[in-house]
PDB file of N, CA and C in Angstrom:
ATOM      1  N   MET A   1     -43.999  -0.698   7.352  1.00  0.00           N
ATOM      2  CA  MET A   1     -43.160  -0.327   5.987  1.00  0.00           C
ATOM      3  C   MET A   1     -42.320   0.559   6.628  1.00  0.00           C
ATOM      4  N   ARG A   2     -43.066   1.592   7.412  1.00  0.00           N
ATOM      5  CA  ARG A   2     -42.052   2.704   7.364  1.00  0.00           C
ATOM      6  C   ARG A   2     -40.797   2.521   8.058  1.00  0.00           C
ATOM      7  N   PHE A   3     -41.053   1.502   9.114  1.00  0.00           N
ATOM      8  CA  PHE A   3     -39.558   1.002   9.700  1.00  0.00           C
ATOM      9  C   PHE A   3     -38.945   0.094   8.872  1.00  0.00           C
ATOM     10  N   VAL A   4     -39.222  -0.843   7.516  1.00  0.00           N
ATOM     11  CA  VAL A   4     -38.397  -1.000   6.266  1.00  0.00           C
ATOM     12  C   VAL A   4     -37.995  -0.045   5.878  1.00  0.00           C
ATOM     13  N   LEU A   5     -38.724   1.004   5.891  1.00  0.00           N
ATOM     14  CA  LEU A   5     -37.764   2.373   4.737  1.00  0.00           C
ATOM     15  C   LEU A   5     -36.729   2.943   5.779  1.00  0.00           C
ATOM     16  N   LYS A   6     -36.754   3.345   6.676  1.00  0.00           N
ATOM     17  CA  LYS A   6     -35.920   3.776   7.769  1.00  0.00           C
ATOM     18  C   LYS A   6     -34.608   3.063   7.932  1.00  0.00           C
ATOM     19  N   HIS A   7     -34.546   1.947   7.820  1.00  0.00           N
ATOM     20  CA  HIS A   7     -33.552   1.381   8.002  1.00  0.00           C
ATOM     21  C   HIS A   7     -32.881   0.912   6.862  1.00  0.00           C
ATOM     22  N   ALA A   8     -33.401   0.886   6.165  1.00  0.00           N
ATOM     23  CA  ALA A   8     -33.198   0.811   4.540  1.00  0.00           C
ATOM     24  C   ALA A   8     -32.269   1.962   4.370  1.00  0.00           C
ATOM     25  N   ILE A   9     -32.725   3.269   4.555  1.00  0.00           N
ATOM     26  CA  ILE A   9     -31.949   4.113   4.274  1.00  0.00           C
ATOM     27  C   ILE A   9     -30.608   4.516   5.814  1.00  0.00           C
ATOM     28  N   LEU A  10     -30.882   4.187   6.569  1.00  0.00           N
ATOM     29  CA  LEU A  10     -29.718   3.861   7.454  1.00  0.00           C
ATOM     30  C   LEU A  10     -28.622   2.973   7.425  1.00  0.00           C
ATOM     31  N   ILE A  11     -28.906   2.018   6.670  1.00  0.00           N
ATOM     32  CA  ILE A  11     -28.189   0.953   6.152  1.00  0.00           C
ATOM     33  C   ILE A  11     -27.401   1.827   4.500  1.00  0.00           C
ATOM     34  N   ALA A  12     -28.194   2.115   3.738  1.00  0.00           N
ATOM     35  CA  ALA A  12     -27.127   2.952   2.587  1.00  0.00           C
ATOM     36  C   ALA A  12     -26.800   3.897   3.008  1.00  0.00           C
ATOM     37  N   SER A  13     -27.121   4.724   4.400  1.00  0.00           N
ATOM     38  CA  SER A  13     -26.094   6.213   4.669  1.00  0.00           C
ATOM     39  C   SER A  13     -24.663   5.560   5.111  1.00  0.00           C
ATOM     40  N   LEU A  14     -25.041   4.338   5.774  1.00  0.00           N
ATOM     41  CA  LEU A  14     -23.631   3.870   6.808  1.00  0.00           C
ATOM     42  C   LEU A  14     -22.451   3.072   5.834  1.00  0.00           C
ATOM     43  N   SER A  15     -23.194   2.288   4.758  1.00  0.00           N
ATOM     44  CA  SER A  15     -22.628   1.950   4.118  1.00  0.00           C
ATOM     45  C   SER A  15     -21.230   2.993   3.065  1.00  0.00           C
ATOM     46  N   LEU A  16     -22.443   3.925   2.515  1.00  0.00           N
ATOM     47  CA  LEU A  16     -21.697   5.061   1.868  1.00  0.00           C
ATOM     48  C   LEU A  16     -20.532   5.525   3.240  1.00  0.00           C
ATOM     49  N   LEU A  17     -21.126   5.649   4.237  1.00  0.00           N
ATOM     50  CA  LEU A  17     -19.405   6.553   5.366  1.00  0.00           C
ATOM     51  C   LEU A  17     -18.471   5.035   5.206  1.00  0.00           C
ATOM     52  N   ALA A  18     -18.980   3.893   5.103  1.00  0.00           N
ATOM     53  CA  ALA A  18     -18.353   3.087   5.054  1.00  0.00           C
ATOM     54  C   ALA A  18     -17.060   2.775   3.704  1.00  0.00           C
ATOM     55  N   ALA A  19     -17.621   3.065   2.746  1.00  0.00           N
ATOM     56  CA  ALA A  19     -16.791   2.981   1.384  1.00  0.00           C
ATOM     57  C   ALA A  19     -16.160   4.469   1.820  1.00  0.00           C
ATOM     58  N   CYS A  20     -16.912   5.503   2.006  1.00  0.00           N
ATOM     59  CA  CYS A  20     -15.669   6.375   2.088  1.00  0.00           C
ATOM     60  C   CYS A  20     -14.180   6.602   3.278  1.00  0.00           C
ATOM     61  N   ALA A  21     -14.563   5.058   3.779  1.00  0.00           N
ATOM     62  CA  ALA A  21     -13.297   5.172   5.339  1.00  0.00           C
ATOM     63  C   ALA A  21     -12.316   4.002   4.616  1.00  0.00           C
ATOM     64  N   THR A  22     -12.611   3.544   3.374  1.00  0.00           N
ATOM     65  CA  THR A  22     -12.086   2.684   3.084  1.00  0.00           C
ATOM     66  C   THR A  22     -11.041   3.133   1.317  1.00  0.00           C
ATOM     67  N   THR A  23     -10.911   4.439   1.063  1.00  0.00           N
ATOM     68  CA  THR A  23     -10.502   5.614   0.432  1.00  0.00           C
ATOM     69  C   THR A  23      -8.896   4.669   0.487  1.00  0.00           C
ATOM     70  N   SER A  24      -8.417   4.826  -0.818  1.00  0.00           N
ATOM     71  CA  SER A  24      -7.217   5.022  -1.094  1.00  0.00           C
ATOM     72  C   SER A  24      -5.990   5.867   0.091  1.00  0.00           C
ATOM     73  N   HIS A  25      -4.684   6.066   0.487  1.00  0.00           N
ATOM     74  CA  HIS A  25      -4.225   6.763   0.636  1.00  0.00           C
ATOM     75  C   HIS A  25      -3.655   8.104   0.184  1.00  0.00           C
ATOM     76  N   GLU A  26      -3.754   8.253  -1.425  1.00  0.00           N
ATOM     77  CA  GLU A  26      -3.778   8.932  -1.896  1.00  0.00           C
ATOM     78  C   GLU A  26      -5.095  10.191  -1.850  1.00  0.00           C
ATOM     79  N   GLN A  27      -6.130   9.519  -1.671  1.00  0.00           N
ATOM     80  CA  GLN A  27      -7.737  10.405  -1.307  1.00  0.00           C
ATOM     81  C   GLN A  27      -7.292  10.890  -0.392  1.00  0.00           C
ATOM     82  N   ALA A  28      -7.247  10.066   0.898  1.00  0.00           N
ATOM     83  CA  ALA A  28      -7.072  10.720   2.275  1.00  0.00           C
ATOM     84  C   ALA A  28      -6.116  11.553   2.460  1.00  0.00           C
ATOM     85  N   SER A  29      -5.981  12.736   1.609  1.00  0.00           N
ATOM     86  CA  SER A  29      -4.850  13.701   1.721  1.00  0.00           C
ATOM     87  C   SER A  29      -5.760  14.826   2.290  1.00  0.00           C
ATOM     88  N   GLU A  30      -5.006  16.146   2.715  1.00  0.00           N
ATOM     89  CA  GLU A  30      -5.421  17.396   3.311  1.00  0.00           C
ATOM     90  C   GLU A  30      -6.915  17.381   2.621  1.00  0.00           C
ATOM     91  N   ASN A  31      -6.968  17.681   0.836  1.00  0.00           N
ATOM     92  CA  ASN A  31      -7.995  17.784  -0.097  1.00  0.00           C
ATOM     93  C   ASN A  31      -8.891  16.489  -0.037  1.00  0.00           C
ATOM     94  N   SER A  32      -9.399  16.076   0.978  1.00  0.00           N
ATOM     95  CA  SER A  32     -10.167  14.915   0.982  1.00  0.00           C
ATOM     96  C   SER A  32     -11.593  15.501   0.506  1.00  0.00           C
ATOM     97  N   SER A  33     -12.534  14.672  -0.091  1.00  0.00           N
ATOM     98  CA  SER A  33     -13.661  15.157  -0.268  1.00  0.00           C
ATOM     99  C   SER A  33     -14.352  15.599   1.086  1.00  0.00           C
ATOM    100  N   PRO A  34     -15.547  16.115   1.187  1.00  0.00           N
ATOM    101  CA  PRO A  34     -16.194  16.752   2.552  1.00  0.00           C
ATOM    102  C   PRO A  34     -16.961  15.216   3.096  1.00  0.00           C
ATOM    103  N   LEU A  35     -17.333  14.656   2.071  1.00  0.00           N
ATOM    104  CA  LEU A  35     -18.122  12.980   2.700  1.00  0.00           C
ATOM    105  C   LEU A  35     -16.888  12.038   3.475  1.00  0.00           C
ATOM    106  N   ARG A  36     -15.925  12.184   3.081  1.00  0.00           N
ATOM    107  CA  ARG A  36     -14.907  11.828   4.199  1.00  0.00           C
ATOM    108  C   ARG A  36     -14.351  12.606   5.563  1.00  0.00           C
ATOM    109  N   ALA A  37     -14.846  13.438   5.122  1.00  0.00           N
ATOM    110  CA  ALA A  37     -14.520  14.674   6.533  1.00  0.00           C
ATOM    111  C   ALA A  37     -15.787  14.633   7.521  1.00  0.00           C
ATOM    112  N   MET A  38     -16.556  13.836   6.948  1.00  0.00           N
ATOM    113  CA  MET A  38     -18.055  13.520   7.683  1.00  0.00           C
ATOM    114  C   MET A  38     -17.372  11.788   8.519  1.00  0.00           C
ATOM    115  N   ALA A  39     -16.959  11.302   7.806  1.00  0.00           N
ATOM    116  CA  ALA A  39     -16.503   9.892   8.147  1.00  0.00           C
ATOM    117  C   ALA A  39     -16.033   9.867   9.087  1.00  0.00           C
ATOM    118  N   VAL A  40     -14.840  10.959   9.136  1.00  0.00           N
ATOM    119  CA  VAL A  40     -13.533  10.687  10.078  1.00  0.00           C
ATOM    120  C   VAL A  40     -14.697  11.725  10.987  1.00  0.00           C
ATOM    121  N   TRP A  41     -15.083  12.692  11.067  1.00  0.00           N
ATOM    122  CA  TRP A  41     -15.641  12.973  11.931  1.00  0.00           C
ATOM    123  C   TRP A  41     -17.084  12.006  12.823  1.00  0.00           C
ATOM    124  N   ALA A  42     -17.336  10.964  12.097  1.00  0.00           N
ATOM    125  CA  ALA A  42     -18.284  10.308  12.867  1.00  0.00           C
ATOM    126  C   ALA A  42     -17.770   9.012  13.346  1.00  0.00           C
ATOM    127  N   GLY A  43     -16.496   9.000  13.303  1.00  0.00           N
ATOM    128  CA  GLY A  43     -15.679   7.857  13.550  1.00  0.00           C
ATOM    129  C   GLY A  43     -15.649   6.457  12.749  1.00  0.00           C
ATOM    130  N   PHE A  44     -16.434   6.533  11.592  1.00  0.00           N
ATOM    131  CA  PHE A  44     -16.370   5.306  10.562  1.00  0.00           C
ATOM    132  C   PHE A  44     -14.953   5.362   9.627  1.00  0.00           C
ATOM    133  N   ALA A  45     -14.059   6.053   9.833  1.00  0.00           N
ATOM    134  CA  ALA A  45     -13.122   6.406   9.350  1.00  0.00           C
ATOM    135  C   ALA A  45     -11.952   7.008  10.092  1.00  0.00           C
ATOM    136  N   THR A  46     -10.769   7.036   9.660  1.00  0.00           N
ATOM    137  CA  THR A  46      -9.184   7.422  10.058  1.00  0.00           C
ATOM    138  C   THR A  46      -8.379   8.443   9.437  1.00  0.00           C
ATOM    139  N   ASN A  47      -7.657   9.212   9.754  1.00  0.00           N
ATOM    140  CA  ASN A  47      -6.923   9.716   9.242  1.00  0.00           C
ATOM    141  C   ASN A  47      -5.425   8.886   8.586  1.00  0.00           C
ATOM    142  N   PRO A  48      -4.303   8.732   7.517  1.00  0.00           N
ATOM    143  CA  PRO A  48      -3.745   7.737   8.117  1.00  0.00           C
ATOM    144  C   PRO A  48      -2.482   8.328   8.838  1.00  0.00           C
ATOM    145  N   PRO A  49      -1.953   7.350   9.474  1.00  0.00           N
ATOM    146  CA  PRO A  49      -0.463   8.182   9.643  1.00  0.00           C
ATOM    147  C   PRO A  49       0.696   8.485   9.712  1.00  0.00           C
ATOM    148  N   GLU A  50       1.366   9.456  10.080  1.00  0.00           N
ATOM    149  CA  GLU A  50       2.679   9.658   9.611  1.00  0.00           C
ATOM    150  C   GLU A  50       3.750   8.582   9.184  1.00  0.00           C
ATOM    151  N   ALA A  51       4.241   8.452   7.974  1.00  0.00           N
ATOM    152  CA  ALA A  51       5.030   7.463   7.895  1.00  0.00           C
ATOM    153  C   ALA A  51       6.212   7.715   8.974  1.00  0.00           C
ATOM    154  N   ALA A  52       7.149   6.594   9.382  1.00  0.00           N
ATOM    155  CA  ALA A  52       7.953   6.554  10.180  1.00  0.00           C
ATOM    156  C   ALA A  52       9.287   6.534   9.995  1.00  0.00           C
ATOM    157  N   ASP A  53      10.384   7.193  10.290  1.00  0.00           N
ATOM    158  CA  ASP A  53      11.235   7.924   9.430  1.00  0.00           C
ATOM    159  C   ASP A  53      12.279   7.769   8.611  1.00  0.00           C
ATOM    160  N   PHE A  54      12.355   5.766   8.727  1.00  0.00           N
ATOM    161  CA  PHE A  54      12.975   4.712   7.794  1.00  0.00           C
ATOM    162  C   PHE A  54      12.364   4.522   7.123  1.00  0.00           C
ATOM    163  N   VAL A  55      10.424   4.757   6.724  1.00  0.00           N
ATOM    164  CA  VAL A  55       9.973   4.854   5.264  1.00  0.00           C
ATOM    165  C   VAL A  55      10.267   5.778   4.714  1.00  0.00           C
ATOM    166  N   LYS A  56      10.127   7.262   5.661  1.00  0.00           N
ATOM    167  CA  LYS A  56      10.396   8.085   4.504  1.00  0.00           C
ATOM    168  C   LYS A  56      11.805   8.312   4.081  1.00  0.00           C
ATOM    169  N   ALA A  57      12.880   7.815   4.892  1.00  0.00           N
ATOM    170  CA  ALA A  57      14.310   8.083   4.324  1.00  0.00           C
ATOM    171  C   ALA A  57      13.942   6.761   2.879  1.00  0.00           C
ATOM    172  N   SER A  58      13.770   6.046   2.877  1.00  0.00           N
ATOM    173  CA  SER A  58      13.915   4.690   1.965  1.00  0.00           C
ATOM    174  C   SER A  58      13.045   5.312   0.729  1.00  0.00           C
ATOM    175  N   ARG A  59      12.354   5.535   0.899  1.00  0.00           N
ATOM    176  CA  ARG A  59      11.287   6.330  -0.529  1.00  0.00           C
ATOM    177  C   ARG A  59      11.999   7.159  -1.438  1.00  0.00           C
ATOM    178  N   PRO A  60      11.900   7.180  -2.220  1.00  0.00           N
ATOM    179  CA  PRO A  60      12.133   8.173  -3.508  1.00  0.00           C
ATOM    180  C   PRO A  60      12.189   9.769  -3.328  1.00  0.00           C
ATOM    181  N   GLN A  61      13.173  10.493  -3.555  1.00  0.00           N
ATOM    182  CA  GLN A  61      12.531  11.931  -3.552  1.00  0.00           C
ATOM    183  C   GLN A  61      12.345  12.793  -5.055  1.00  0.00           C
ATOM    184  N   GLY A  62      11.031  13.232  -4.766  1.00  0.00           N
ATOM    185  CA  GLY A  62      10.880  13.806  -6.207  1.00  0.00           C
ATOM    186  C   GLY A  62       9.665  13.067  -7.105  1.00  0.00           C
ATOM    187  N   ASN A  63       8.991  13.558  -8.015  1.00  0.00           N
ATOM    188  CA  ASN A  63       8.393  13.015  -8.772  1.00  0.00           C
ATOM    189  C   ASN A  63       8.840  11.730  -9.832  1.00  0.00           C
ATOM    190  N   LEU A  64       8.590  10.576  -9.898  1.00  0.00           N
ATOM    191  CA  LEU A  64       8.718   9.410 -10.700  1.00  0.00           C
ATOM    192  C   LEU A  64       8.266   9.263 -12.013  1.00  0.00           C
ATOM    193  N   ASP A  65       9.039   9.155 -12.656  1.00  0.00           N
ATOM    194  CA  ASP A  65       8.505   9.245 -14.095  1.00  0.00           C
ATOM    195  C   ASP A  65       7.963   8.061 -14.783  1.00  0.00           C
ATOM    196  N   TYR A  66       6.736   7.745 -14.581  1.00  0.00           N
ATOM    197  CA  TYR A  66       6.172   6.558 -14.833  1.00  0.00           C
ATOM    198  C   TYR A  66       6.001   6.280 -16.028  1.00  0.00           C
ATOM    199  N   LEU A  67       5.635   5.406 -16.230  1.00  0.00           N
ATOM    200  CA  LEU A  67       5.551   5.362 -18.086  1.00  0.00           C
ATOM    201  C   LEU A  67       3.423   5.357 -18.464  1.00  0.00           C
ATOM    202  N   PRO A  68       3.216   5.976 -18.714  1.00  0.00           N
ATOM    203  CA  PRO A  68       1.511   6.058 -18.739  1.00  0.00           C
ATOM    204  C   PRO A  68       1.510   4.769 -19.837  1.00  0.00           C
ATOM    205  N   VAL A  69       0.214   4.133 -19.385  1.00  0.00           N
ATOM    206  CA  VAL A  69      -0.361   2.937 -20.547  1.00  0.00           C
ATOM    207  C   VAL A  69      -0.398   3.227 -21.483  1.00  0.00           C
ATOM    208  N   GLY A  70      -0.025   2.660 -22.281  1.00  0.00           N
ATOM    209  CA  GLY A  70      -0.612   2.751 -23.667  1.00  0.00           C
ATOM    210  C   GLY A  70       0.686   2.944 -24.493  1.00  0.00           C
ATOM    211  N   VAL A  71       1.769   3.445 -24.012  1.00  0.00           N
ATOM    212  CA  VAL A  71       3.078   4.222 -24.441  1.00  0.00           C
ATOM    213  C   VAL A  71       3.938   3.227 -24.486  1.00  0.00           C
ATOM    214  N   THR A  72       4.698   3.190 -25.543  1.00  0.00           N
ATOM    215  CA  THR A  72       5.581   1.875 -26.096  1.00  0.00           C
ATOM    216  C   THR A  72       7.157   2.851 -25.245  1.00  0.00           C
ATOM    217  N   PRO A  73       7.720   2.531 -24.928  1.00  0.00           N
ATOM    218  CA  PRO A  73       9.250   2.838 -24.363  1.00  0.00           C
ATOM    219  C   PRO A  73      10.268   2.988 -25.441  1.00  0.00           C
ATOM    220  N   ALA A  74      10.870   3.708 -24.887  1.00  0.00           N
ATOM    221  CA  ALA A  74      12.052   4.203 -25.719  1.00  0.00           C
ATOM    222  C   ALA A  74      13.259   2.949 -26.269  1.00  0.00           C
ATOM    223  N   GLU A  75      13.813   2.645 -27.160  1.00  0.00           N
ATOM    224  CA  GLU A  75      14.742   1.804 -28.188  1.00  0.00           C
ATOM    225  C   GLU A  75      15.545   1.121 -26.824  1.00  0.00           C
ATOM    226  N   PRO A  76      16.436   0.499 -26.310  1.00  0.00           N
ATOM    227  CA  PRO A  76      17.442   0.565 -25.309  1.00  0.00           C
ATOM    228  C   PRO A  76      18.926   1.162 -26.398  1.00  0.00           C
ATOM    229  N   THR A  77      19.136   2.060 -25.434  1.00  0.00           N
ATOM    230  CA  THR A  77      20.876   2.940 -26.373  1.00  0.00           C
ATOM    231  C   THR A  77      21.667   1.549 -27.082  1.00  0.00           C
ATOM    232  N   VAL A  78      21.632   0.196 -26.203  1.00  0.00           N
ATOM    233  CA  VAL A  78      23.150  -0.710 -25.958  1.00  0.00           C
ATOM    234  C   VAL A  78      21.977  -1.823 -26.889  1.00  0.00           C
ATOM    235  N   LYS A  79      23.281  -1.955 -27.920  1.00  0.00           N
ATOM    236  CA  LYS A  79      22.544  -3.005 -28.754  1.00  0.00           C
ATOM    237  C   LYS A  79      23.223  -4.515 -28.360  1.00  0.00           C
ATOM    238  N   ALA A  80      22.545  -5.609 -28.133  1.00  0.00           N
ATOM    239  CA  ALA A  80      23.152  -6.718 -27.872  1.00  0.00           C
ATOM    240  C   ALA A  80      24.160  -6.894 -28.822  1.00  0.00           C
ATOM    241  N   LYS A  81      25.075  -8.248 -28.303  1.00  0.00           N
ATOM    242  CA  LYS A  81      25.926  -8.156 -29.398  1.00  0.00           C
ATOM    243  C   LYS A  81      25.686  -9.574 -30.199  1.00  0.00           C
ATOM    244  N   LYS A  82      25.592  -9.469 -31.376  1.00  0.00           N
ATOM    245  CA  LYS A  82      25.216 -10.823 -32.314  1.00  0.00           C
ATOM    246  C   LYS A  82      26.565 -12.011 -32.191  1.00  0.00           C
ATOM    247  N   LEU A  83      25.963 -13.182 -32.150  1.00  0.00           N
ATOM    248  CA  LEU A  83      26.270 -14.524 -31.806  1.00  0.00           C
ATOM    249  C   LEU A  83      26.803 -15.214 -33.038  1.00  0.00           C
ATOM    250  N   THR A  84      28.320 -15.511 -32.860  1.00  0.00           N
ATOM    251  CA  THR A  84      28.824 -15.713 -34.652  1.00  0.00           C
ATOM    252  C   THR A  84      27.640 -17.333 -34.564  1.00  0.00           C
ATOM    253  N   PRO A  85      27.774 -18.174 -35.427  1.00  0.00           N
ATOM    254  CA  PRO A  85      27.190 -19.693 -35.617  1.00  0.00           C
ATOM    255  C   PRO A  85      28.018 -20.472 -34.433  1.00  0.00           C
ATOM    256  N   ALA A  86      29.391 -20.213 -34.183  1.00  0.00           N
ATOM    257  CA  ALA A  86      30.018 -21.376 -33.510  1.00  0.00           C
ATOM    258  C   ALA A  86      29.437 -21.355 -32.090  1.00  0.00           C
ATOM    259  N   GLU A  87      29.612 -20.100 -31.940  1.00  0.00           N
ATOM    260  CA  GLU A  87      29.015 -19.156 -30.465  1.00  0.00           C
ATOM    261  C   GLU A  87      27.992 -19.467 -29.787  1.00  0.00           C
ATOM    262  N   LEU A  88      27.162 -19.452 -31.084  1.00  0.00           N
ATOM    263  CA  LEU A  88      25.451 -20.028 -30.882  1.00  0.00           C
ATOM    264  C   LEU A  88      25.187 -21.507 -30.775  1.00  0.00           C
ATOM    265  N   LYS A  89      26.546 -22.131 -31.382  1.00  0.00           N
ATOM    266  CA  LYS A  89      25.916 -23.440 -31.382  1.00  0.00           C
ATOM    267  C   LYS A  89      26.954 -24.003 -29.838  1.00  0.00           C
ATOM    268  N   ALA A  90      27.733 -23.519 -29.613  1.00  0.00           N
ATOM    269  CA  ALA A  90      28.511 -23.782 -27.961  1.00  0.00           C
ATOM    270  C   ALA A  90      27.285 -23.081 -27.004  1.00  0.00           C
ATOM    271  N   LEU A  91      26.265 -21.943 -27.248  1.00  0.00           N
ATOM    272  CA  LEU A  91      25.201 -21.994 -25.898  1.00  0.00           C
ATOM    273  C   LEU A  91      24.342 -23.148 -26.165  1.00  0.00           C
ATOM    274  N   GLU A  92      23.953 -23.482 -27.489  1.00  0.00           N
ATOM    275  CA  GLU A  92      22.790 -24.140 -26.987  1.00  0.00           C
ATOM    276  C   GLU A  92      23.768 -25.773 -26.329  1.00  0.00           C
ATOM    277  N   ASP A  93      24.563 -26.271 -26.707  1.00  0.00           N
ATOM    278  CA  ASP A  93      25.066 -27.270 -26.384  1.00  0.00           C
ATOM    279  C   ASP A  93      24.919 -27.124 -24.736  1.00  0.00           C
ATOM    280  N   GLU A  94      25.449 -25.835 -24.267  1.00  0.00           N
ATOM    281  CA  GLU A  94      25.455 -25.891 -23.138  1.00  0.00           C
ATOM    282  C   GLU A  94      24.094 -25.558 -22.277  1.00  0.00           C
ATOM    283  N   LEU A  95      23.278 -25.087 -23.243  1.00  0.00           N
ATOM    284  CA  LEU A  95      21.794 -25.314 -22.343  1.00  0.00           C
ATOM    285  C   LEU A  95      21.210 -26.523 -22.178  1.00  0.00           C
ATOM    286  N   GLU A  96      21.811 -27.274 -23.086  1.00  0.00           N
ATOM    287  CA  GLU A  96      20.925 -28.610 -23.625  1.00  0.00           C
ATOM    288  C   GLU A  96      22.131 -29.798 -22.037  1.00  0.00           C
ATOM    289  N   VAL A  97      23.108 -29.142 -22.340  1.00  0.00           N
ATOM    290  CA  VAL A  97      23.885 -29.900 -21.109  1.00  0.00           C
ATOM    291  C   VAL A  97      22.712 -30.139 -19.724  1.00  0.00           C
ATOM    292  N   SER A  98      22.980 -28.667 -19.346  1.00  0.00           N
ATOM    293  CA  SER A  98      21.580 -28.193 -17.992  1.00  0.00           C
ATOM    294  C   SER A  98      20.590 -28.851 -18.533  1.00  0.00           C
ATOM    295  N   ARG A  99      20.314 -29.055 -18.969  1.00  0.00           N
ATOM    296  CA  ARG A  99      18.618 -29.433 -18.947  1.00  0.00           C
ATOM    297  C   ARG A  99      18.252 -30.676 -18.611  1.00  0.00           C
ATOM    298  N   GLN A 100      19.491 -31.590 -19.079  1.00  0.00           N
ATOM    299  CA  GLN A 100      19.422 -32.790 -19.090  1.00  0.00           C
ATOM    300  C   GLN A 100      20.099 -32.914 -17.536  1.00  0.00           C
ATOM    301  N   LYS A 101      21.363 -32.459 -16.919  1.00  0.00           N
ATOM    302  CA  LYS A 101      21.380 -32.336 -15.258  1.00  0.00           C
ATOM    303  C   LYS A 101      20.223 -32.271 -14.843  1.00  0.00           C
ATOM    304  N   ASN A 102      19.855 -30.769 -14.891  1.00  0.00           N
ATOM    305  CA  ASN A 102      18.154 -30.842 -14.316  1.00  0.00           C
ATOM    306  C   ASN A 102      16.885 -31.520 -14.020  1.00  0.00           C
ATOM    307  N   ALA A 103      17.155 -32.507 -15.760  1.00  0.00           N
ATOM    308  CA  ALA A 103      15.659 -33.575 -16.072  1.00  0.00           C
ATOM    309  C   ALA A 103      16.415 -34.323 -14.926  1.00  0.00           C
ATOM    310  N   THR A 104      17.381 -35.024 -14.813  1.00  0.00           N
ATOM    311  CA  THR A 104      18.339 -36.454 -13.940  1.00  0.00           C
ATOM    312  C   THR A 104      18.060 -35.728 -12.404  1.00  0.00           C
ATOM    313  N   ALA A 105      18.145 -34.576 -12.150  1.00  0.00           N
ATOM    314  CA  ALA A 105      18.154 -33.937 -10.641  1.00  0.00           C
ATOM    315  C   ALA A 105      16.500 -34.300 -10.305  1.00  0.00           C
ATOM    316  N   ALA A 106      15.918 -34.163 -11.060  1.00  0.00           N
ATOM    317  CA  ALA A 106      14.405 -34.198 -11.203  1.00  0.00           C
ATOM    318  C   ALA A 106      13.848 -35.719 -11.259  1.00  0.00           C
ATOM    319  N   GLY A 107      14.768 -36.393 -11.204  1.00  0.00           N
ATOM    320  CA  GLY A 107      14.024 -38.350 -11.711  1.00  0.00           C
ATOM    321  C   GLY A 107      13.527 -37.944 -13.101  1.00  0.00           C
ATOM    322  N   VAL A 108      13.524 -37.184 -14.303  1.00  0.00           N
ATOM    323  CA  VAL A 108      12.852 -37.753 -15.498  1.00  0.00           C
ATOM    324  C   VAL A 108      13.902 -38.408 -15.921  1.00  0.00           C
ATOM    325  N   THR A 109      14.061 -38.852 -16.860  1.00  0.00           N
ATOM    326  CA  THR A 109      14.470 -39.184 -17.979  1.00  0.00           C
ATOM    327  C   THR A 109      13.958 -38.115 -19.239  1.00  0.00           C
ATOM    328  N   PRO A 110      15.671 -37.469 -19.541  1.00  0.00           N
ATOM    329  CA  PRO A 110      15.823 -36.710 -20.456  1.00  0.00           C
ATOM    330  C   PRO A 110      15.897 -37.289 -22.111  1.00  0.00           C
TER     331      PRO A 110
END
């Protein structure tokens, strides 16, 4: 019974260390947790390598302004041009011709 309990504790500990090794790149920075530091020390985790120069050059500099979840974006400043009924009909006809051409090319009767 003790043998099984010891192995269960060992497996749980190793699983915890393995979970520390699979953290994201942001968490693997210099302010990482002590548990991750122990995993690195024990050889179960590694620190991410330094990015290559071409990768650093292609990344945008500074903090990107991401839109938080649940926030409605601002309305566009440029309004779309309203079509006249004649322009709308011409556009519909052009799309219908394109649809028929695509259906014919696919071997389907429009």
